[in-house]
Amino acid sequence: METITDEVGQIVARELKIPLERLTPDTPLQDLGVESLDLIELVFALEDKFDISIPYNANTGETAGKAGSAKAGTGKFTTIAQIAAAVKGLLDAKIPA
């Protein structure tokens, strides 16, 4: 079974058209040449894949400051691990208690 980090890495590789082997969870997106438009497209792809809504603010490069966002693990997207943590937090928030 693939982990969320693996799936996020595959999406990043596909969207940025770079080899998956170049990516590690700690790879800074800046080192990959990610620009704001790339990040927006990445957010859309993640939302489609995981059926979640990521409250991303393109002006700041951070997820929007919603009341539950800190609890959901969202924040600044600078590495694949941070994106995976945000996705996991949003997925966990969707699961009924």
PDB file of N, CA and C in Angstrom:
ATOM      1  N   MET A   1       0.834  -1.192   0.000  1.00  0.00           N
ATOM      2  CA  MET A   1       0.000   0.000   0.000  1.00  0.00           C
ATOM      3  C   MET A   1       0.877   1.253   0.000  1.00  0.00           C
ATOM      4  N   GLU A   2       0.552   2.176  -0.856  1.00  0.00           N
ATOM      5  CA  GLU A   2       1.334   3.407  -0.937  1.00  0.00           C
ATOM      6  C   GLU A   2       0.977   4.345   0.214  1.00  0.00           C
ATOM      7  N   THR A   3       1.980   5.059   0.661  1.00  0.00           N
ATOM      8  CA  THR A   3       1.713   6.056   1.691  1.00  0.00           C
ATOM      9  C   THR A   3       1.291   7.356   1.026  1.00  0.00           C
ATOM     10  N   ILE A   4       0.737   8.248   1.828  1.00  0.00           N
ATOM     11  CA  ILE A   4       0.342   9.555   1.304  1.00  0.00           C
ATOM     12  C   ILE A   4       1.567  10.274   0.747  1.00  0.00           C
ATOM     13  N   THR A   5       2.700  10.144   1.440  1.00  0.00           N
ATOM     14  CA  THR A   5       3.924  10.797   0.968  1.00  0.00           C
ATOM     15  C   THR A   5       4.329  10.271  -0.405  1.00  0.00           C
ATOM     16  N   ASP A   6       4.207   8.947  -0.610  1.00  0.00           N
ATOM     17  CA  ASP A   6       4.525   8.362  -1.918  1.00  0.00           C
ATOM     18  C   ASP A   6       3.602   8.913  -3.002  1.00  0.00           C
ATOM     19  N   GLU A   7       2.314   8.959  -2.686  1.00  0.00           N
ATOM     20  CA  GLU A   7       1.343   9.450  -3.664  1.00  0.00           C
ATOM     21  C   GLU A   7       1.569  10.928  -3.979  1.00  0.00           C
ATOM     22  N   VAL A   8       1.873  11.719  -2.950  1.00  0.00           N
ATOM     23  CA  VAL A   8       2.157  13.140  -3.170  1.00  0.00           C
ATOM     24  C   VAL A   8       3.402  13.280  -4.036  1.00  0.00           C
ATOM     25  N   GLY A   9       4.431  12.482  -3.757  1.00  0.00           N
ATOM     26  CA  GLY A   9       5.656  12.515  -4.559  1.00  0.00           C
ATOM     27  C   GLY A   9       5.387  12.196  -6.022  1.00  0.00           C
ATOM     28  N   GLN A  10       4.528  11.208  -6.274  1.00  0.00           N
ATOM     29  CA  GLN A  10       4.186  10.854  -7.648  1.00  0.00           C
ATOM     30  C   GLN A  10       3.451  12.002  -8.341  1.00  0.00           C
ATOM     31  N   ILE A  11       2.564  12.659  -7.627  1.00  0.00           N
ATOM     32  CA  ILE A  11       1.829  13.794  -8.204  1.00  0.00           C
ATOM     33  C   ILE A  11       2.783  14.944  -8.500  1.00  0.00           C
ATOM     34  N   VAL A  12       3.695  15.217  -7.561  1.00  0.00           N
ATOM     35  CA  VAL A  12       4.676  16.291  -7.768  1.00  0.00           C
ATOM     36  C   VAL A  12       5.525  15.970  -8.995  1.00  0.00           C
ATOM     37  N   ALA A  13       6.006  14.743  -9.091  1.00  0.00           N
ATOM     38  CA  ALA A  13       6.836  14.341 -10.233  1.00  0.00           C
ATOM     39  C   ALA A  13       6.068  14.502 -11.542  1.00  0.00           C
ATOM     40  N   ARG A  14       4.821  14.053 -11.560  1.00  0.00           N
ATOM     41  CA  ARG A  14       4.014  14.142 -12.791  1.00  0.00           C
ATOM     42  C   ARG A  14       3.737  15.592 -13.165  1.00  0.00           C
ATOM     43  N   GLU A  15       3.310  16.392 -12.197  1.00  0.00           N
ATOM     44  CA  GLU A  15       2.944  17.782 -12.487  1.00  0.00           C
ATOM     45  C   GLU A  15       4.149  18.629 -12.899  1.00  0.00           C
ATOM     46  N   LEU A  16       5.299  18.358 -12.297  1.00  0.00           N
ATOM     47  CA  LEU A  16       6.500  19.141 -12.611  1.00  0.00           C
ATOM     48  C   LEU A  16       7.326  18.524 -13.729  1.00  0.00           C
ATOM     49  N   LYS A  17       6.888  17.324 -14.182  1.00  0.00           N
ATOM     50  CA  LYS A  17       7.584  16.615 -15.259  1.00  0.00           C
ATOM     51  C   LYS A  17       9.060  16.380 -14.926  1.00  0.00           C
ATOM     52  N   ILE A  18       9.271  15.827 -13.729  1.00  0.00           N
ATOM     53  CA  ILE A  18      10.625  15.484 -13.304  1.00  0.00           C
ATOM     54  C   ILE A  18      10.629  14.023 -12.854  1.00  0.00           C
ATOM     55  N   PRO A  19      11.769  13.352 -12.916  1.00  0.00           N
ATOM     56  CA  PRO A  19      11.826  11.954 -12.498  1.00  0.00           C
ATOM     57  C   PRO A  19      11.532  11.794 -11.007  1.00  0.00           C
ATOM     58  N   LEU A  20      10.739  10.800 -10.678  1.00  0.00           N
ATOM     59  CA  LEU A  20      10.383  10.521  -9.294  1.00  0.00           C
ATOM     60  C   LEU A  20      11.635  10.263  -8.450  1.00  0.00           C
ATOM     61  N   GLU A  21      12.653   9.692  -9.061  1.00  0.00           N
ATOM     62  CA  GLU A  21      13.893   9.378  -8.354  1.00  0.00           C
ATOM     63  C   GLU A  21      14.596  10.630  -7.816  1.00  0.00           C
ATOM     64  N   ARG A  22      14.288  11.780  -8.399  1.00  0.00           N
ATOM     65  CA  ARG A  22      14.902  13.035  -7.945  1.00  0.00           C
ATOM     66  C   ARG A  22      14.290  13.547  -6.657  1.00  0.00           C
ATOM     67  N   LEU A  23      13.185  12.957  -6.259  1.00  0.00           N
ATOM     68  CA  LEU A  23      12.441  13.474  -5.121  1.00  0.00           C
ATOM     69  C   LEU A  23      12.635  12.654  -3.857  1.00  0.00           C
ATOM     70  N   THR A  24      12.748  13.358  -2.752  1.00  0.00           N
ATOM     71  CA  THR A  24      12.703  12.751  -1.426  1.00  0.00           C
ATOM     72  C   THR A  24      11.677  13.550  -0.639  1.00  0.00           C
ATOM     73  N   PRO A  25      11.201  13.028   0.495  1.00  0.00           N
ATOM     74  CA  PRO A  25      10.236  13.803   1.274  1.00  0.00           C
ATOM     75  C   PRO A  25      10.755  15.179   1.690  1.00  0.00           C
ATOM     76  N   ASP A  26      12.075  15.309   1.840  1.00  0.00           N
ATOM     77  CA  ASP A  26      12.655  16.581   2.284  1.00  0.00           C
ATOM     78  C   ASP A  26      13.140  17.470   1.146  1.00  0.00           C
ATOM     79  N   THR A  27      12.868  17.090  -0.088  1.00  0.00           N
ATOM     80  CA  THR A  27      13.278  17.899  -1.226  1.00  0.00           C
ATOM     81  C   THR A  27      12.545  19.241  -1.198  1.00  0.00           C
ATOM     82  N   PRO A  28      13.289  20.353  -1.100  1.00  0.00           N
ATOM     83  CA  PRO A  28      12.624  21.659  -1.136  1.00  0.00           C
ATOM     84  C   PRO A  28      12.047  21.925  -2.530  1.00  0.00           C
ATOM     85  N   LEU A  29      10.801  22.336  -2.572  1.00  0.00           N
ATOM     86  CA  LEU A  29      10.170  22.630  -3.857  1.00  0.00           C
ATOM     87  C   LEU A  29      10.924  23.732  -4.591  1.00  0.00           C
ATOM     88  N   GLN A  30      11.497  24.654  -3.846  1.00  0.00           N
ATOM     89  CA  GLN A  30      12.269  25.741  -4.460  1.00  0.00           C
ATOM     90  C   GLN A  30      13.442  25.183  -5.267  1.00  0.00           C
ATOM     91  N   ASP A  31      14.061  24.108  -4.770  1.00  0.00           N
ATOM     92  CA  ASP A  31      15.180  23.486  -5.481  1.00  0.00           C
ATOM     93  C   ASP A  31      14.741  22.847  -6.796  1.00  0.00           C
ATOM     94  N   LEU A  32      13.439  22.564  -6.910  1.00  0.00           N
ATOM     95  CA  LEU A  32      12.891  21.971  -8.129  1.00  0.00           C
ATOM     96  C   LEU A  32      12.428  23.034  -9.117  1.00  0.00           C
ATOM     97  N   GLY A  33      12.580  24.298  -8.752  1.00  0.00           N
ATOM     98  CA  GLY A  33      12.175  25.382  -9.629  1.00  0.00           C
ATOM     99  C   GLY A  33      10.674  25.659  -9.609  1.00  0.00           C
ATOM    100  N   VAL A  34       9.996  25.251  -8.532  1.00  0.00           N
ATOM    101  CA  VAL A  34       8.547  25.438  -8.437  1.00  0.00           C
ATOM    102  C   VAL A  34       8.220  26.923  -8.287  1.00  0.00           C
ATOM    103  N   GLU A  35       7.323  27.377  -9.146  1.00  0.00           N
ATOM    104  CA  GLU A  35       6.844  28.754  -9.083  1.00  0.00           C
ATOM    105  C   GLU A  35       5.394  28.732  -8.620  1.00  0.00           C
ATOM    106  N   SER A  36       4.816  29.906  -8.402  1.00  0.00           N
ATOM    107  CA  SER A  36       3.468  29.967  -7.848  1.00  0.00           C
ATOM    108  C   SER A  36       2.432  29.250  -8.713  1.00  0.00           C
ATOM    109  N   LEU A  37       2.531  29.376 -10.028  1.00  0.00           N
ATOM    110  CA  LEU A  37       1.578  28.700 -10.905  1.00  0.00           C
ATOM    111  C   LEU A  37       1.721  27.178 -10.798  1.00  0.00           C
ATOM    112  N   ASP A  38       2.972  26.712 -10.690  1.00  0.00           N
ATOM    113  CA  ASP A  38       3.211  25.276 -10.499  1.00  0.00           C
ATOM    114  C   ASP A  38       2.537  24.788  -9.217  1.00  0.00           C
ATOM    115  N   LEU A  39       2.662  25.587  -8.165  1.00  0.00           N
ATOM    116  CA  LEU A  39       2.094  25.196  -6.886  1.00  0.00           C
ATOM    117  C   LEU A  39       0.571  25.167  -6.939  1.00  0.00           C
ATOM    118  N   ILE A  40      -0.015  26.099  -7.647  1.00  0.00           N
ATOM    119  CA  ILE A  40      -1.474  26.117  -7.800  1.00  0.00           C
ATOM    120  C   ILE A  40      -1.930  24.867  -8.548  1.00  0.00           C
ATOM    121  N   GLU A  41      -1.239  24.513  -9.619  1.00  0.00           N
ATOM    122  CA  GLU A  41      -1.579  23.302 -10.367  1.00  0.00           C
ATOM    123  C   GLU A  41      -1.395  22.057  -9.502  1.00  0.00           C
ATOM    124  N   LEU A  42      -0.379  22.083  -8.655  1.00  0.00           N
ATOM    125  CA  LEU A  42      -0.132  20.981  -7.738  1.00  0.00           C
ATOM    126  C   LEU A  42      -1.279  20.845  -6.732  1.00  0.00           C
ATOM    127  N   VAL A  43      -1.738  21.969  -6.214  1.00  0.00           N
ATOM    128  CA  VAL A  43      -2.866  21.968  -5.274  1.00  0.00           C
ATOM    129  C   VAL A  43      -4.102  21.377  -5.946  1.00  0.00           C
ATOM    130  N   PHE A  44      -4.380  21.792  -7.175  1.00  0.00           N
ATOM    131  CA  PHE A  44      -5.541  21.242  -7.900  1.00  0.00           C
ATOM    132  C   PHE A  44      -5.422  19.734  -8.081  1.00  0.00           C
ATOM    133  N   ALA A  45      -4.226  19.261  -8.459  1.00  0.00           N
ATOM    134  CA  ALA A  45      -4.017  17.828  -8.669  1.00  0.00           C
ATOM    135  C   ALA A  45      -4.202  17.050  -7.362  1.00  0.00           C
ATOM    136  N   LEU A  46      -3.725  17.606  -6.271  1.00  0.00           N
ATOM    137  CA  LEU A  46      -3.879  16.957  -4.960  1.00  0.00           C
ATOM    138  C   LEU A  46      -5.344  16.918  -4.539  1.00  0.00           C
ATOM    139  N   GLU A  47      -6.037  18.015  -4.780  1.00  0.00           N
ATOM    140  CA  GLU A  47      -7.463  18.063  -4.441  1.00  0.00           C
ATOM    141  C   GLU A  47      -8.229  17.006  -5.223  1.00  0.00           C
ATOM    142  N   ASP A  48      -7.918  16.861  -6.500  1.00  0.00           N
ATOM    143  CA  ASP A  48      -8.590  15.856  -7.337  1.00  0.00           C
ATOM    144  C   ASP A  48      -8.272  14.445  -6.859  1.00  0.00           C
ATOM    145  N   LYS A  49      -7.006  14.167  -6.604  1.00  0.00           N
ATOM    146  CA  LYS A  49      -6.569  12.826  -6.222  1.00  0.00           C
ATOM    147  C   LYS A  49      -7.185  12.379  -4.894  1.00  0.00           C
ATOM    148  N   PHE A  50      -7.163  13.278  -3.907  1.00  0.00           N
ATOM    149  CA  PHE A  50      -7.573  12.904  -2.558  1.00  0.00           C
ATOM    150  C   PHE A  50      -8.995  13.340  -2.190  1.00  0.00           C
ATOM    151  N   ASP A  51      -9.686  14.010  -3.117  1.00  0.00           N
ATOM    152  CA  ASP A  51     -11.038  14.489  -2.873  1.00  0.00           C
ATOM    153  C   ASP A  51     -11.106  15.350  -1.611  1.00  0.00           C
ATOM    154  N   ILE A  52     -10.207  16.343  -1.574  1.00  0.00           N
ATOM    155  CA  ILE A  52     -10.153  17.279  -0.457  1.00  0.00           C
ATOM    156  C   ILE A  52     -10.151  18.692  -1.015  1.00  0.00           C
ATOM    157  N   SER A  53     -10.341  19.642  -0.132  1.00  0.00           N
ATOM    158  CA  SER A  53     -10.246  21.049  -0.508  1.00  0.00           C
ATOM    159  C   SER A  53      -9.108  21.661   0.295  1.00  0.00           C
ATOM    160  N   ILE A  54      -8.079  22.102  -0.414  1.00  0.00           N
ATOM    161  CA  ILE A  54      -6.917  22.702   0.241  1.00  0.00           C
ATOM    162  C   ILE A  54      -7.097  24.214   0.211  1.00  0.00           C
ATOM    163  N   PRO A  55      -7.209  24.839   1.377  1.00  0.00           N
ATOM    164  CA  PRO A  55      -7.416  26.292   1.426  1.00  0.00           C
ATOM    165  C   PRO A  55      -6.119  27.056   1.174  1.00  0.00           C
ATOM    166  N   TYR A  56      -5.642  26.997  -0.067  1.00  0.00           N
ATOM    167  CA  TYR A  56      -4.346  27.560  -0.438  1.00  0.00           C
ATOM    168  C   TYR A  56      -4.483  29.014  -0.855  1.00  0.00           C
ATOM    169  N   ASN A  57      -3.598  29.868  -0.361  1.00  0.00           N
ATOM    170  CA  ASN A  57      -3.570  31.279  -0.726  1.00  0.00           C
ATOM    171  C   ASN A  57      -2.366  31.511  -1.642  1.00  0.00           C
ATOM    172  N   ALA A  58      -2.611  31.716  -2.908  1.00  0.00           N
ATOM    173  CA  ALA A  58      -1.527  31.862  -3.883  1.00  0.00           C
ATOM    174  C   ALA A  58      -0.686  33.109  -3.632  1.00  0.00           C
ATOM    175  N   ASN A  59      -1.256  34.103  -2.970  1.00  0.00           N
ATOM    176  CA  ASN A  59      -0.514  35.342  -2.723  1.00  0.00           C
ATOM    177  C   ASN A  59       0.568  35.180  -1.671  1.00  0.00           C
ATOM    178  N   THR A  60       0.352  34.271  -0.715  1.00  0.00           N
ATOM    179  CA  THR A  60       1.331  34.106   0.356  1.00  0.00           C
ATOM    180  C   THR A  60       2.106  32.812   0.261  1.00  0.00           C
ATOM    181  N   GLY A  61       1.625  31.878  -0.580  1.00  0.00           N
ATOM    182  CA  GLY A  61       2.285  30.585  -0.669  1.00  0.00           C
ATOM    183  C   GLY A  61       1.974  29.699   0.515  1.00  0.00           C
ATOM    184  N   GLU A  62       0.918  30.032   1.244  1.00  0.00           N
ATOM    185  CA  GLU A  62       0.530  29.252   2.405  1.00  0.00           C
ATOM    186  C   GLU A  62      -0.930  28.868   2.299  1.00  0.00           C
ATOM    187  N   THR A  63      -1.278  27.879   3.093  1.00  0.00           N
ATOM    188  CA  THR A  63      -2.682  27.541   3.156  1.00  0.00           C
ATOM    189  C   THR A  63      -3.380  28.620   3.965  1.00  0.00           C
ATOM    190  N   ALA A  64      -4.626  28.867   3.620  1.00  0.00           N
ATOM    191  CA  ALA A  64      -5.376  29.941   4.262  1.00  0.00           C
ATOM    192  C   ALA A  64      -5.558  29.675   5.745  1.00  0.00           C
ATOM    193  N   GLY A  65      -5.664  30.734   6.487  1.00  0.00           N
ATOM    194  CA  GLY A  65      -5.787  30.643   7.938  1.00  0.00           C
ATOM    195  C   GLY A  65      -7.189  30.358   8.407  1.00  0.00           C
ATOM    196  N   LYS A  66      -7.712  29.194   8.068  1.00  0.00           N
ATOM    197  CA  LYS A  66      -9.027  28.789   8.557  1.00  0.00           C
ATOM    198  C   LYS A  66      -8.894  28.300   9.983  1.00  0.00           C
ATOM    199  N   ALA A  67      -9.993  28.318  10.705  1.00  0.00           N
ATOM    200  CA  ALA A  67      -9.985  27.935  12.113  1.00  0.00           C
ATOM    201  C   ALA A  67      -9.380  26.555  12.343  1.00  0.00           C
ATOM    202  N   GLY A  68      -9.725  25.575  11.531  1.00  0.00           N
ATOM    203  CA  GLY A  68      -9.241  24.225  11.742  1.00  0.00           C
ATOM    204  C   GLY A  68      -7.975  23.886  10.999  1.00  0.00           C
ATOM    205  N   SER A  69      -7.402  24.825  10.278  1.00  0.00           N
ATOM    206  CA  SER A  69      -6.285  24.469   9.412  1.00  0.00           C
ATOM    207  C   SER A  69      -5.042  24.052  10.178  1.00  0.00           C
ATOM    208  N   ALA A  70      -4.773  24.683  11.316  1.00  0.00           N
ATOM    209  CA  ALA A  70      -3.592  24.280  12.074  1.00  0.00           C
ATOM    210  C   ALA A  70      -3.764  22.851  12.573  1.00  0.00           C
ATOM    211  N   LYS A  71      -4.974  22.525  13.003  1.00  0.00           N
ATOM    212  CA  LYS A  71      -5.261  21.182  13.469  1.00  0.00           C
ATOM    213  C   LYS A  71      -5.136  20.185  12.326  1.00  0.00           C
ATOM    214  N   ALA A  72      -5.522  20.603  11.134  1.00  0.00           N
ATOM    215  CA  ALA A  72      -5.485  19.703   9.984  1.00  0.00           C
ATOM    216  C   ALA A  72      -4.067  19.534   9.439  1.00  0.00           C
ATOM    217  N   GLY A  73      -3.087  20.250   9.975  1.00  0.00           N
ATOM    218  CA  GLY A  73      -1.715  20.077   9.559  1.00  0.00           C
ATOM    219  C   GLY A  73      -1.336  20.877   8.325  1.00  0.00           C
ATOM    220  N   THR A  74      -2.114  21.890   7.996  1.00  0.00           N
ATOM    221  CA  THR A  74      -1.773  22.692   6.831  1.00  0.00           C
ATOM    222  C   THR A  74      -0.846  23.823   7.244  1.00  0.00           C
ATOM    223  N   GLY A  75      -0.192  24.417   6.289  1.00  0.00           N
ATOM    224  CA  GLY A  75       0.756  25.496   6.544  1.00  0.00           C
ATOM    225  C   GLY A  75       1.463  25.838   5.262  1.00  0.00           C
ATOM    226  N   LYS A  76       2.738  26.211   5.380  1.00  0.00           N
ATOM    227  CA  LYS A  76       3.492  26.571   4.194  1.00  0.00           C
ATOM    228  C   LYS A  76       3.959  25.309   3.473  1.00  0.00           C
ATOM    229  N   PHE A  77       3.804  25.296   2.155  1.00  0.00           N
ATOM    230  CA  PHE A  77       4.218  24.141   1.351  1.00  0.00           C
ATOM    231  C   PHE A  77       5.630  24.390   0.846  1.00  0.00           C
ATOM    232  N   THR A  78       6.635  23.820   1.530  1.00  0.00           N
ATOM    233  CA  THR A  78       8.004  24.003   1.061  1.00  0.00           C
ATOM    234  C   THR A  78       8.681  22.684   0.710  1.00  0.00           C
ATOM    235  N   THR A  79       8.170  21.565   1.248  1.00  0.00           N
ATOM    236  CA  THR A  79       8.726  20.249   0.918  1.00  0.00           C
ATOM    237  C   THR A  79       7.586  19.268   0.656  1.00  0.00           C
ATOM    238  N   ILE A  80       7.928  18.142   0.073  1.00  0.00           N
ATOM    239  CA  ILE A  80       6.933  17.101  -0.187  1.00  0.00           C
ATOM    240  C   ILE A  80       6.374  16.575   1.133  1.00  0.00           C
ATOM    241  N   ALA A  81       7.224  16.437   2.144  1.00  0.00           N
ATOM    242  CA  ALA A  81       6.768  15.959   3.453  1.00  0.00           C
ATOM    243  C   ALA A  81       5.735  16.906   4.049  1.00  0.00           C
ATOM    244  N   GLN A  82       5.939  18.226   3.900  1.00  0.00           N
ATOM    245  CA  GLN A  82       4.976  19.192   4.422  1.00  0.00           C
ATOM    246  C   GLN A  82       3.654  19.111   3.670  1.00  0.00           C
ATOM    247  N   ILE A  83       3.728  18.920   2.376  1.00  0.00           N
ATOM    248  CA  ILE A  83       2.498  18.779   1.587  1.00  0.00           C
ATOM    249  C   ILE A  83       1.768  17.506   2.015  1.00  0.00           C
ATOM    250  N   ALA A  84       2.515  16.414   2.166  1.00  0.00           N
ATOM    251  CA  ALA A  84       1.907  15.146   2.578  1.00  0.00           C
ATOM    252  C   ALA A  84       1.261  15.278   3.954  1.00  0.00           C
ATOM    253  N   ALA A  85       1.919  15.987   4.876  1.00  0.00           N
ATOM    254  CA  ALA A  85       1.352  16.188   6.211  1.00  0.00           C
ATOM    255  C   ALA A  85       0.055  16.986   6.132  1.00  0.00           C
ATOM    256  N   ALA A  86       0.032  17.997   5.277  1.00  0.00           N
ATOM    257  CA  ALA A  86      -1.184  18.799   5.111  1.00  0.00           C
ATOM    258  C   ALA A  86      -2.315  17.961   4.531  1.00  0.00           C
ATOM    259  N   VAL A  87      -1.987  17.148   3.516  1.00  0.00           N
ATOM    260  CA  VAL A  87      -2.990  16.268   2.910  1.00  0.00           C
ATOM    261  C   VAL A  87      -3.520  15.282   3.946  1.00  0.00           C
ATOM    262  N   LYS A  88      -2.613  14.667   4.716  1.00  0.00           N
ATOM    263  CA  LYS A  88      -3.029  13.712   5.742  1.00  0.00           C
ATOM    264  C   LYS A  88      -3.928  14.403   6.769  1.00  0.00           C
ATOM    265  N   GLY A  89      -3.568  15.599   7.179  1.00  0.00           N
ATOM    266  CA  GLY A  89      -4.382  16.331   8.141  1.00  0.00           C
ATOM    267  C   GLY A  89      -5.774  16.612   7.606  1.00  0.00           C
ATOM    268  N   LEU A  90      -5.857  16.989   6.340  1.00  0.00           N
ATOM    269  CA  LEU A  90      -7.165  17.256   5.727  1.00  0.00           C
ATOM    270  C   LEU A  90      -7.977  15.975   5.571  1.00  0.00           C
ATOM    271  N   LEU A  91      -7.300  14.878   5.234  1.00  0.00           N
ATOM    272  CA  LEU A  91      -7.986  13.587   5.126  1.00  0.00           C
ATOM    273  C   LEU A  91      -8.495  13.134   6.492  1.00  0.00           C
ATOM    274  N   ASP A  92      -7.654  13.293   7.518  1.00  0.00           N
ATOM    275  CA  ASP A  92      -8.047  12.902   8.879  1.00  0.00           C
ATOM    276  C   ASP A  92      -9.232  13.736   9.366  1.00  0.00           C
ATOM    277  N   ALA A  93      -9.252  15.010   8.968  1.00  0.00           N
ATOM    278  CA  ALA A  93     -10.343  15.899   9.376  1.00  0.00           C
ATOM    279  C   ALA A  93     -11.665  15.501   8.720  1.00  0.00           C
ATOM    280  N   LYS A  94     -11.591  14.823   7.570  1.00  0.00           N
ATOM    281  CA  LYS A  94     -12.793  14.399   6.849  1.00  0.00           C
ATOM    282  C   LYS A  94     -13.446  13.172   7.475  1.00  0.00           C
ATOM    283  N   ILE A  95     -12.632  12.364   8.156  1.00  0.00           N
ATOM    284  CA  ILE A  95     -13.118  11.107   8.705  1.00  0.00           C
ATOM    285  C   ILE A  95     -14.028  11.398   9.894  1.00  0.00           C
ATOM    286  N   PRO A  96     -15.276  10.921   9.839  1.00  0.00           N
ATOM    287  CA  PRO A  96     -16.174  11.167  10.971  1.00  0.00           C
ATOM    288  C   PRO A  96     -15.684  10.453  12.233  1.00  0.00           C
ATOM    289  N   ALA A  97     -15.840  11.134  13.341  1.00  0.00           N
ATOM    290  CA  ALA A  97     -15.355  10.587  14.621  1.00  0.00           C
ATOM    291  C   ALA A  97     -16.256   9.484  15.140  1.00  0.00           C
TER     292      ALA A  97
END
